[in-house]
Amino acid sequence: MLPRTRLAAPLVAAILASPFAPAEAQPPAILDSVYGGVSIHDIPTDEEGGLDGTFELRTAPVFGHDWTIEVLPTIGASVSFSGETNTAWLGGTARYMLTDSLFIEGFLGLSIHDADTPVQTNGADLGCTLLFREGAGLGYRNGPHALSLYGSHISHGGILCSDDANDGLTTLGIRYGYHFR
């Protein structure tokens, strides 16, 4: 197994560097938003702990543009500041504007992680490397700026692998988002 920092560092660097361009340059029309934040790692259990840095990049909606609900392709990563399990994900975020400023959102996709599988000696027993990821958030947007509370969970749900180990991993955090459109 690669050390966790060697696995996570290139992914985090790519996600952080991609949305930034000189102030006078226009972002690509395909880019919707970039989010970054901090979350509590592996709640409510005590198998792992600490804080994670989370980073997410969302493209323009594949459908639902100008509808009440938009579905945005999403790629993201979570890096544990405590040396615990790091994750990366790919999927779709559905965003629903409750008012001009208040929104709710949900995520569904697949995630990979760097924990030992099927069972770790210390930490969450996740069963297999490829897991489902689901999440939900509530946020406030003012112009291009957004702030949201967000929770997510990864697990194989007894579907993606046959291993009985399925502790799952749940996070809860706060994120800042910048919207390009």
N, C-alpha and C. Protein backbone atom coordinates (compact mmCIF):
# COMPACT_ATOMS: atom_id res chain seq x y z
N MET A 1 0.84 -1.19 0.00
CA MET A 1 0.00 0.00 0.00
C MET A 1 0.88 1.25 0.00
N LEU A 2 0.54 2.25 -0.81
CA LEU A 2 1.26 3.51 -0.84
C LEU A 2 0.99 4.29 0.44
N PRO A 3 1.97 5.07 0.90
CA PRO A 3 1.67 5.93 2.04
C PRO A 3 0.51 6.85 1.68
N ARG A 4 -0.33 7.12 2.64
CA ARG A 4 -1.55 7.89 2.38
C ARG A 4 -1.26 9.25 1.77
N THR A 5 -0.21 9.92 2.21
CA THR A 5 0.05 11.25 1.68
C THR A 5 0.48 11.19 0.22
N ARG A 6 1.18 10.13 -0.21
CA ARG A 6 1.58 10.02 -1.61
C ARG A 6 0.38 9.74 -2.50
N LEU A 7 -0.64 9.08 -1.98
CA LEU A 7 -1.84 8.80 -2.75
C LEU A 7 -2.71 10.05 -2.85
N ALA A 8 -2.85 10.78 -1.77
CA ALA A 8 -3.77 11.91 -1.73
C ALA A 8 -3.19 13.20 -2.30
N ALA A 9 -1.89 13.42 -2.17
CA ALA A 9 -1.29 14.70 -2.55
C ALA A 9 -1.51 15.07 -4.02
N PRO A 10 -1.29 14.18 -5.01
CA PRO A 10 -1.52 14.59 -6.40
C PRO A 10 -2.98 14.93 -6.68
N LEU A 11 -3.91 14.21 -6.10
CA LEU A 11 -5.33 14.47 -6.32
C LEU A 11 -5.72 15.82 -5.74
N VAL A 12 -5.29 16.09 -4.52
CA VAL A 12 -5.61 17.36 -3.88
C VAL A 12 -5.00 18.52 -4.66
N ALA A 13 -3.75 18.38 -5.11
CA ALA A 13 -3.10 19.43 -5.89
C ALA A 13 -3.85 19.72 -7.18
N ALA A 14 -4.29 18.70 -7.87
CA ALA A 14 -5.03 18.89 -9.12
C ALA A 14 -6.36 19.59 -8.88
N ILE A 15 -7.06 19.20 -7.82
CA ILE A 15 -8.36 19.81 -7.52
C ILE A 15 -8.19 21.26 -7.10
N LEU A 16 -7.18 21.55 -6.30
CA LEU A 16 -6.97 22.92 -5.84
C LEU A 16 -6.51 23.83 -6.97
N ALA A 17 -5.67 23.35 -7.86
CA ALA A 17 -5.09 24.18 -8.91
C ALA A 17 -6.04 24.43 -10.06
N SER A 18 -6.93 23.51 -10.35
CA SER A 18 -7.73 23.59 -11.57
C SER A 18 -8.65 24.80 -11.67
N PRO A 19 -9.33 25.26 -10.61
CA PRO A 19 -10.29 26.34 -10.83
C PRO A 19 -9.68 27.74 -10.82
N PHE A 20 -8.38 27.87 -10.52
CA PHE A 20 -7.80 29.19 -10.38
C PHE A 20 -7.14 29.64 -11.67
N ALA A 21 -7.45 30.88 -12.05
CA ALA A 21 -6.90 31.49 -13.24
C ALA A 21 -6.69 32.96 -12.94
N PRO A 22 -5.92 33.68 -13.77
CA PRO A 22 -5.77 35.12 -13.53
C PRO A 22 -7.13 35.81 -13.46
N ALA A 23 -7.20 36.89 -12.68
CA ALA A 23 -8.47 37.56 -12.43
C ALA A 23 -9.16 38.02 -13.71
N GLU A 24 -8.39 38.42 -14.72
CA GLU A 24 -9.01 38.92 -15.95
C GLU A 24 -9.48 37.79 -16.87
N ALA A 25 -9.05 36.57 -16.61
CA ALA A 25 -9.46 35.44 -17.46
C ALA A 25 -10.85 34.96 -17.06
N GLN A 26 -11.64 34.56 -18.04
CA GLN A 26 -12.96 34.00 -17.78
C GLN A 26 -12.83 32.50 -17.54
N PRO A 27 -13.50 31.95 -16.53
CA PRO A 27 -13.44 30.50 -16.31
C PRO A 27 -14.13 29.78 -17.47
N PRO A 28 -13.75 28.56 -17.72
CA PRO A 28 -14.42 27.80 -18.78
C PRO A 28 -15.91 27.69 -18.49
N ALA A 29 -16.72 27.72 -19.55
CA ALA A 29 -18.17 27.65 -19.39
C ALA A 29 -18.61 26.34 -18.75
N ILE A 30 -17.76 25.33 -18.80
CA ILE A 30 -18.13 24.03 -18.24
C ILE A 30 -18.07 24.02 -16.71
N LEU A 31 -17.38 24.98 -16.10
CA LEU A 31 -17.19 24.99 -14.66
C LEU A 31 -18.33 25.70 -13.95
N ASP A 32 -18.96 25.03 -12.99
CA ASP A 32 -20.03 25.64 -12.19
C ASP A 32 -19.48 26.23 -10.91
N SER A 33 -18.76 25.43 -10.11
CA SER A 33 -18.34 25.89 -8.79
C SER A 33 -17.20 25.04 -8.25
N VAL A 34 -16.53 25.60 -7.25
CA VAL A 34 -15.50 24.89 -6.51
C VAL A 34 -15.81 25.08 -5.02
N TYR A 35 -15.69 24.00 -4.25
CA TYR A 35 -15.98 24.04 -2.82
C TYR A 35 -14.77 23.54 -2.03
N GLY A 36 -14.56 24.12 -0.88
CA GLY A 36 -13.52 23.66 0.04
C GLY A 36 -14.01 23.84 1.46
N GLY A 37 -13.59 22.95 2.35
CA GLY A 37 -14.04 23.08 3.73
C GLY A 37 -13.33 22.13 4.66
N VAL A 38 -13.91 22.01 5.82
CA VAL A 38 -13.36 21.14 6.86
C VAL A 38 -14.52 20.32 7.43
N SER A 39 -14.22 19.06 7.75
CA SER A 39 -15.27 18.19 8.30
C SER A 39 -14.72 17.34 9.44
N ILE A 40 -15.61 16.91 10.30
CA ILE A 40 -15.28 16.00 11.39
C ILE A 40 -15.25 14.60 10.79
N HIS A 41 -14.18 13.87 11.02
CA HIS A 41 -13.93 12.57 10.41
C HIS A 41 -14.53 11.44 11.23
N ASP A 42 -15.30 10.58 10.59
CA ASP A 42 -15.82 9.33 11.14
C ASP A 42 -16.66 9.52 12.40
N ILE A 43 -17.76 10.26 12.26
CA ILE A 43 -18.71 10.39 13.36
C ILE A 43 -19.84 9.39 13.12
N PRO A 44 -20.49 8.84 14.04
CA PRO A 44 -20.38 9.02 15.47
C PRO A 44 -19.47 7.99 16.15
N THR A 45 -18.66 7.24 15.38
CA THR A 45 -17.81 6.21 16.00
C THR A 45 -16.51 6.80 16.52
N ASP A 46 -15.74 5.99 17.22
CA ASP A 46 -14.44 6.43 17.70
C ASP A 46 -13.31 5.62 17.07
N GLU A 47 -13.60 4.91 15.95
CA GLU A 47 -12.58 4.09 15.31
C GLU A 47 -11.52 4.95 14.62
N GLU A 48 -11.94 6.05 14.03
CA GLU A 48 -11.03 7.03 13.47
C GLU A 48 -11.52 8.38 13.98
N GLY A 49 -10.75 9.41 13.78
CA GLY A 49 -11.19 10.72 14.27
C GLY A 49 -10.42 11.84 13.62
N GLY A 50 -10.56 13.02 14.17
CA GLY A 50 -9.85 14.18 13.67
C GLY A 50 -10.66 14.96 12.66
N LEU A 51 -9.94 15.79 11.92
CA LEU A 51 -10.57 16.65 10.91
C LEU A 51 -10.06 16.29 9.53
N ASP A 52 -10.91 16.55 8.53
CA ASP A 52 -10.56 16.37 7.12
C ASP A 52 -10.64 17.71 6.41
N GLY A 53 -9.81 17.88 5.41
CA GLY A 53 -9.98 18.96 4.44
C GLY A 53 -10.73 18.39 3.27
N THR A 54 -11.77 19.08 2.80
CA THR A 54 -12.56 18.58 1.68
C THR A 54 -12.49 19.57 0.52
N PHE A 55 -12.43 19.03 -0.69
CA PHE A 55 -12.33 19.84 -1.90
C PHE A 55 -13.24 19.22 -2.96
N GLU A 56 -13.98 20.06 -3.65
CA GLU A 56 -14.92 19.54 -4.63
C GLU A 56 -14.99 20.49 -5.82
N LEU A 57 -15.06 19.92 -7.01
CA LEU A 57 -15.19 20.66 -8.25
C LEU A 57 -16.45 20.17 -8.95
N ARG A 58 -17.29 21.11 -9.37
CA ARG A 58 -18.55 20.77 -10.03
C ARG A 58 -18.60 21.42 -11.41
N THR A 59 -19.04 20.66 -12.39
CA THR A 59 -19.18 21.21 -13.73
C THR A 59 -20.60 21.73 -13.92
N ALA A 60 -20.83 22.38 -15.04
CA ALA A 60 -22.16 22.89 -15.37
C ALA A 60 -23.15 21.73 -15.39
N PRO A 61 -24.42 22.02 -15.13
CA PRO A 61 -25.42 20.94 -15.08
C PRO A 61 -25.50 20.15 -16.38
N VAL A 62 -25.61 18.83 -16.26
CA VAL A 62 -25.81 17.99 -17.44
C VAL A 62 -27.28 18.04 -17.85
N PHE A 63 -28.16 18.24 -16.91
CA PHE A 63 -29.55 18.53 -17.20
C PHE A 63 -30.12 19.31 -16.03
N GLY A 64 -31.23 19.96 -16.28
CA GLY A 64 -31.84 20.75 -15.23
C GLY A 64 -31.41 22.20 -15.25
N HIS A 65 -30.57 22.60 -16.22
CA HIS A 65 -30.16 24.00 -16.28
C HIS A 65 -31.41 24.88 -16.41
N ASP A 66 -31.52 25.85 -15.53
CA ASP A 66 -32.67 26.75 -15.45
C ASP A 66 -33.93 26.04 -14.95
N TRP A 67 -33.82 24.82 -14.48
CA TRP A 67 -34.93 24.15 -13.81
C TRP A 67 -34.82 24.46 -12.33
N THR A 68 -35.77 23.97 -11.58
CA THR A 68 -35.72 24.13 -10.13
C THR A 68 -34.62 23.26 -9.54
N ILE A 69 -34.40 22.08 -10.11
CA ILE A 69 -33.34 21.17 -9.66
C ILE A 69 -32.31 21.04 -10.77
N GLU A 70 -31.04 21.24 -10.42
CA GLU A 70 -29.94 21.05 -11.37
C GLU A 70 -29.12 19.86 -10.93
N VAL A 71 -28.61 19.07 -11.87
CA VAL A 71 -27.74 17.94 -11.56
C VAL A 71 -26.37 18.24 -12.16
N LEU A 72 -25.36 18.31 -11.28
CA LEU A 72 -24.02 18.71 -11.66
C LEU A 72 -23.03 17.56 -11.48
N PRO A 73 -22.28 17.17 -12.51
CA PRO A 73 -21.21 16.19 -12.33
C PRO A 73 -20.20 16.75 -11.32
N THR A 74 -19.74 15.89 -10.42
CA THR A 74 -18.92 16.32 -9.29
C THR A 74 -17.74 15.38 -9.09
N ILE A 75 -16.57 15.98 -8.81
CA ILE A 75 -15.38 15.21 -8.42
C ILE A 75 -14.84 15.86 -7.15
N GLY A 76 -14.40 15.03 -6.21
CA GLY A 76 -13.92 15.60 -4.96
C GLY A 76 -12.97 14.69 -4.22
N ALA A 77 -12.43 15.23 -3.13
CA ALA A 77 -11.50 14.48 -2.29
C ALA A 77 -11.58 14.97 -0.86
N SER A 78 -11.26 14.08 0.04
CA SER A 78 -11.20 14.39 1.46
C SER A 78 -9.86 13.87 1.98
N VAL A 79 -9.09 14.76 2.60
CA VAL A 79 -7.77 14.39 3.12
C VAL A 79 -7.80 14.52 4.64
N SER A 80 -7.48 13.43 5.31
CA SER A 80 -7.48 13.41 6.77
C SER A 80 -6.25 14.13 7.30
N PHE A 81 -6.45 15.12 8.16
CA PHE A 81 -5.34 15.83 8.80
C PHE A 81 -4.70 14.98 9.90
N SER A 82 -5.35 13.86 10.27
CA SER A 82 -4.86 13.00 11.35
C SER A 82 -4.20 11.73 10.84
N GLY A 83 -4.01 11.61 9.53
CA GLY A 83 -3.40 10.41 8.98
C GLY A 83 -4.35 9.22 8.90
N GLU A 84 -5.65 9.48 8.96
CA GLU A 84 -6.64 8.41 8.86
C GLU A 84 -7.01 8.21 7.38
N THR A 85 -8.16 7.67 7.11
CA THR A 85 -8.58 7.32 5.76
C THR A 85 -8.84 8.56 4.90
N ASN A 86 -8.22 8.61 3.71
CA ASN A 86 -8.46 9.63 2.70
C ASN A 86 -9.40 9.05 1.66
N THR A 87 -10.22 9.90 1.05
CA THR A 87 -11.16 9.43 0.04
C THR A 87 -11.15 10.35 -1.18
N ALA A 88 -11.59 9.81 -2.30
CA ALA A 88 -11.85 10.59 -3.51
C ALA A 88 -13.16 10.08 -4.09
N TRP A 89 -13.92 10.94 -4.76
CA TRP A 89 -15.23 10.54 -5.26
C TRP A 89 -15.55 11.18 -6.59
N LEU A 90 -16.52 10.54 -7.25
CA LEU A 90 -17.03 10.99 -8.53
C LEU A 90 -18.51 10.65 -8.57
N GLY A 91 -19.33 11.60 -8.98
CA GLY A 91 -20.76 11.34 -9.04
C GLY A 91 -21.53 12.57 -9.46
N GLY A 92 -22.73 12.72 -8.92
CA GLY A 92 -23.59 13.84 -9.28
C GLY A 92 -24.16 14.52 -8.07
N THR A 93 -24.23 15.85 -8.12
CA THR A 93 -24.84 16.65 -7.08
C THR A 93 -26.13 17.23 -7.61
N ALA A 94 -27.24 17.01 -6.93
CA ALA A 94 -28.52 17.62 -7.28
C ALA A 94 -28.74 18.80 -6.35
N ARG A 95 -28.93 19.98 -6.94
CA ARG A 95 -29.09 21.22 -6.16
C ARG A 95 -30.49 21.78 -6.40
N TYR A 96 -31.17 22.12 -5.30
CA TYR A 96 -32.52 22.68 -5.37
C TYR A 96 -32.51 24.01 -4.62
N MET A 97 -32.87 25.08 -5.31
CA MET A 97 -32.93 26.41 -4.69
C MET A 97 -34.28 26.57 -3.99
N LEU A 98 -34.27 26.66 -2.67
CA LEU A 98 -35.49 26.87 -1.88
C LEU A 98 -35.99 28.30 -2.04
N THR A 99 -35.03 29.24 -2.04
CA THR A 99 -35.30 30.67 -2.28
C THR A 99 -34.20 31.16 -3.20
N ASP A 100 -34.10 32.47 -3.40
CA ASP A 100 -33.02 33.01 -4.22
C ASP A 100 -31.65 32.77 -3.59
N SER A 101 -31.62 32.54 -2.28
CA SER A 101 -30.34 32.38 -1.57
C SER A 101 -30.18 31.03 -0.87
N LEU A 102 -31.24 30.43 -0.40
CA LEU A 102 -31.18 29.20 0.39
C LEU A 102 -31.31 27.97 -0.52
N PHE A 103 -30.44 26.99 -0.34
CA PHE A 103 -30.50 25.80 -1.18
C PHE A 103 -30.28 24.53 -0.35
N ILE A 104 -30.77 23.42 -0.89
CA ILE A 104 -30.44 22.10 -0.38
C ILE A 104 -29.81 21.34 -1.53
N GLU A 105 -29.00 20.34 -1.18
CA GLU A 105 -28.36 19.55 -2.22
C GLU A 105 -28.14 18.13 -1.72
N GLY A 106 -28.03 17.23 -2.67
CA GLY A 106 -27.73 15.85 -2.37
C GLY A 106 -26.70 15.32 -3.35
N PHE A 107 -25.92 14.36 -2.91
CA PHE A 107 -24.88 13.77 -3.75
C PHE A 107 -25.05 12.26 -3.76
N LEU A 108 -24.81 11.66 -4.91
CA LEU A 108 -24.77 10.21 -5.03
C LEU A 108 -23.68 9.85 -6.02
N GLY A 109 -22.82 8.93 -5.63
CA GLY A 109 -21.74 8.52 -6.52
C GLY A 109 -20.94 7.39 -5.94
N LEU A 110 -19.72 7.24 -6.46
CA LEU A 110 -18.79 6.21 -6.02
C LEU A 110 -17.56 6.85 -5.41
N SER A 111 -16.95 6.17 -4.47
CA SER A 111 -15.78 6.67 -3.77
C SER A 111 -14.72 5.58 -3.69
N ILE A 112 -13.46 6.00 -3.69
CA ILE A 112 -12.35 5.11 -3.39
C ILE A 112 -11.64 5.66 -2.16
N HIS A 113 -10.90 4.81 -1.47
CA HIS A 113 -10.21 5.24 -0.26
C HIS A 113 -8.88 4.51 -0.15
N ASP A 114 -8.06 4.93 0.81
CA ASP A 114 -6.73 4.33 0.97
C ASP A 114 -6.59 3.51 2.26
N ALA A 115 -7.67 3.14 2.90
CA ALA A 115 -7.61 2.28 4.09
C ALA A 115 -7.27 0.85 3.68
N ASP A 116 -6.69 0.09 4.58
CA ASP A 116 -6.45 -1.32 4.31
C ASP A 116 -7.79 -2.04 4.20
N THR A 117 -7.91 -2.93 3.23
CA THR A 117 -9.15 -3.69 3.09
C THR A 117 -8.80 -5.17 3.01
N PRO A 118 -9.65 -6.07 3.42
CA PRO A 118 -11.00 -5.79 3.88
C PRO A 118 -11.06 -5.27 5.31
N VAL A 119 -10.01 -5.51 6.15
CA VAL A 119 -10.08 -5.12 7.55
C VAL A 119 -8.79 -4.41 7.93
N GLN A 120 -8.92 -3.32 8.67
CA GLN A 120 -7.76 -2.60 9.19
C GLN A 120 -7.49 -3.04 10.62
N THR A 121 -6.23 -3.01 11.02
CA THR A 121 -5.92 -3.30 12.42
C THR A 121 -6.36 -2.14 13.30
N ASN A 122 -6.22 -0.92 12.81
CA ASN A 122 -6.69 0.27 13.54
C ASN A 122 -7.53 1.09 12.57
N GLY A 123 -8.72 1.46 12.96
CA GLY A 123 -9.55 2.30 12.11
C GLY A 123 -10.77 1.58 11.59
N ALA A 124 -11.44 2.25 10.66
CA ALA A 124 -12.70 1.75 10.11
C ALA A 124 -12.46 0.55 9.19
N ASP A 125 -13.26 -0.47 9.33
CA ASP A 125 -13.23 -1.64 8.44
C ASP A 125 -14.24 -1.40 7.33
N LEU A 126 -13.75 -1.05 6.14
CA LEU A 126 -14.63 -0.64 5.05
C LEU A 126 -14.94 -1.75 4.07
N GLY A 127 -14.26 -2.87 4.15
CA GLY A 127 -14.61 -4.04 3.35
C GLY A 127 -13.99 -4.10 1.98
N CYS A 128 -14.13 -3.05 1.17
CA CYS A 128 -13.54 -3.03 -0.17
C CYS A 128 -13.16 -1.60 -0.52
N THR A 129 -12.38 -1.45 -1.56
CA THR A 129 -11.85 -0.13 -1.92
C THR A 129 -12.88 0.76 -2.60
N LEU A 130 -13.73 0.19 -3.44
CA LEU A 130 -14.76 0.95 -4.14
C LEU A 130 -16.04 0.94 -3.30
N LEU A 131 -16.54 2.13 -2.97
CA LEU A 131 -17.71 2.25 -2.10
C LEU A 131 -18.72 3.22 -2.70
N PHE A 132 -19.96 3.12 -2.24
CA PHE A 132 -20.95 4.13 -2.55
C PHE A 132 -20.67 5.35 -1.68
N ARG A 133 -21.00 6.53 -2.18
CA ARG A 133 -20.93 7.75 -1.37
C ARG A 133 -22.23 8.52 -1.58
N GLU A 134 -22.83 8.90 -0.47
CA GLU A 134 -24.02 9.74 -0.53
C GLU A 134 -23.84 10.88 0.46
N GLY A 135 -24.47 12.00 0.15
CA GLY A 135 -24.32 13.16 1.02
C GLY A 135 -25.50 14.10 0.86
N ALA A 136 -25.62 15.03 1.81
CA ALA A 136 -26.68 16.03 1.77
C ALA A 136 -26.16 17.30 2.42
N GLY A 137 -26.69 18.44 1.96
CA GLY A 137 -26.26 19.71 2.51
C GLY A 137 -27.36 20.74 2.51
N LEU A 138 -27.17 21.75 3.32
CA LEU A 138 -28.05 22.91 3.41
C LEU A 138 -27.15 24.12 3.37
N GLY A 139 -27.46 25.07 2.46
CA GLY A 139 -26.56 26.19 2.32
C GLY A 139 -27.23 27.51 2.01
N TYR A 140 -26.40 28.55 2.03
CA TYR A 140 -26.81 29.91 1.74
C TYR A 140 -25.87 30.46 0.68
N ARG A 141 -26.43 31.07 -0.36
CA ARG A 141 -25.63 31.64 -1.44
C ARG A 141 -25.92 33.12 -1.56
N ASN A 142 -24.85 33.92 -1.69
CA ASN A 142 -24.96 35.36 -1.89
C ASN A 142 -24.05 35.70 -3.07
N GLY A 143 -24.63 35.90 -4.24
CA GLY A 143 -23.84 36.13 -5.44
C GLY A 143 -23.04 34.87 -5.75
N PRO A 144 -21.74 35.02 -5.98
CA PRO A 144 -20.94 33.84 -6.29
C PRO A 144 -20.50 33.05 -5.06
N HIS A 145 -20.73 33.57 -3.86
CA HIS A 145 -20.25 32.97 -2.62
C HIS A 145 -21.34 32.11 -1.97
N ALA A 146 -20.95 30.96 -1.44
CA ALA A 146 -21.89 30.07 -0.76
C ALA A 146 -21.24 29.49 0.49
N LEU A 147 -22.04 29.23 1.47
CA LEU A 147 -21.60 28.58 2.71
C LEU A 147 -22.62 27.49 3.01
N SER A 148 -22.14 26.27 3.29
CA SER A 148 -23.09 25.18 3.53
C SER A 148 -22.61 24.24 4.62
N LEU A 149 -23.59 23.64 5.31
CA LEU A 149 -23.35 22.54 6.23
C LEU A 149 -23.58 21.28 5.41
N TYR A 150 -22.72 20.26 5.61
CA TYR A 150 -22.76 19.10 4.73
C TYR A 150 -22.41 17.83 5.49
N GLY A 151 -23.12 16.77 5.20
CA GLY A 151 -22.80 15.46 5.76
C GLY A 151 -22.68 14.45 4.64
N SER A 152 -21.78 13.48 4.81
CA SER A 152 -21.63 12.43 3.79
C SER A 152 -21.32 11.10 4.46
N HIS A 153 -21.54 10.04 3.71
CA HIS A 153 -21.31 8.68 4.21
C HIS A 153 -20.80 7.81 3.07
N ILE A 154 -19.77 6.99 3.34
CA ILE A 154 -19.31 6.00 2.37
C ILE A 154 -19.48 4.61 2.96
N SER A 155 -19.89 3.67 2.12
CA SER A 155 -20.15 2.30 2.55
C SER A 155 -20.35 1.43 1.32
N HIS A 156 -20.12 0.12 1.45
CA HIS A 156 -20.41 -0.75 0.30
C HIS A 156 -21.84 -1.27 0.33
N GLY A 157 -22.54 -1.08 1.42
CA GLY A 157 -23.95 -1.43 1.51
C GLY A 157 -24.26 -2.89 1.28
N GLY A 158 -23.23 -3.75 1.39
CA GLY A 158 -23.44 -5.17 1.14
C GLY A 158 -23.65 -5.50 -0.34
N ILE A 159 -23.38 -4.53 -1.22
CA ILE A 159 -23.61 -4.71 -2.65
C ILE A 159 -22.29 -4.76 -3.44
N LEU A 160 -21.38 -3.85 -3.15
CA LEU A 160 -20.16 -3.72 -3.95
C LEU A 160 -19.11 -4.77 -3.63
N CYS A 161 -19.19 -5.40 -2.47
CA CYS A 161 -18.28 -6.50 -2.15
C CYS A 161 -18.98 -7.43 -1.17
N SER A 162 -18.46 -8.62 -1.08
CA SER A 162 -19.12 -9.62 -0.25
C SER A 162 -18.58 -9.66 1.18
N ASP A 163 -17.63 -8.81 1.49
CA ASP A 163 -17.04 -8.83 2.83
C ASP A 163 -18.04 -8.35 3.87
N ASP A 164 -18.03 -8.99 5.03
CA ASP A 164 -18.94 -8.60 6.11
C ASP A 164 -18.53 -7.28 6.76
N ALA A 165 -17.23 -6.92 6.65
CA ALA A 165 -16.77 -5.66 7.24
C ALA A 165 -17.41 -4.51 6.48
N ASN A 166 -18.17 -3.69 7.19
CA ASN A 166 -18.86 -2.57 6.55
C ASN A 166 -19.14 -1.49 7.59
N ASP A 167 -18.07 -1.01 8.24
CA ASP A 167 -18.25 0.04 9.24
C ASP A 167 -18.79 1.32 8.61
N GLY A 168 -18.42 1.58 7.37
CA GLY A 168 -18.77 2.85 6.76
C GLY A 168 -17.98 3.97 7.39
N LEU A 169 -18.08 5.14 6.81
CA LEU A 169 -17.37 6.31 7.33
C LEU A 169 -18.26 7.51 7.07
N THR A 170 -18.61 8.23 8.13
CA THR A 170 -19.51 9.38 8.05
C THR A 170 -18.77 10.64 8.46
N THR A 171 -18.97 11.73 7.70
CA THR A 171 -18.36 13.01 8.03
C THR A 171 -19.43 14.09 8.09
N LEU A 172 -19.16 15.13 8.84
CA LEU A 172 -20.05 16.28 8.96
C LEU A 172 -19.18 17.52 8.98
N GLY A 173 -19.52 18.51 8.13
CA GLY A 173 -18.65 19.67 8.07
C GLY A 173 -19.31 20.92 7.53
N ILE A 174 -18.46 21.91 7.31
CA ILE A 174 -18.87 23.19 6.75
C ILE A 174 -17.97 23.48 5.55
N ARG A 175 -18.58 24.06 4.50
CA ARG A 175 -17.83 24.32 3.27
C ARG A 175 -18.13 25.72 2.73
N TYR A 176 -17.12 26.28 2.09
CA TYR A 176 -17.27 27.53 1.35
C TYR A 176 -17.24 27.18 -0.13
N GLY A 177 -18.14 27.78 -0.91
CA GLY A 177 -18.16 27.53 -2.33
C GLY A 177 -18.08 28.83 -3.11
N TYR A 178 -17.41 28.76 -4.25
CA TYR A 178 -17.38 29.89 -5.17
C TYR A 178 -18.00 29.44 -6.49
N HIS A 179 -19.01 30.17 -6.95
CA HIS A 179 -19.75 29.82 -8.16
C HIS A 179 -19.31 30.71 -9.31
N PHE A 180 -19.03 30.10 -10.45
CA PHE A 180 -18.59 30.83 -11.63
C PHE A 180 -19.74 31.24 -12.54
N ARG A 181 -20.93 30.70 -12.30
CA ARG A 181 -22.07 31.05 -13.15
C ARG A 181 -23.29 31.31 -12.29
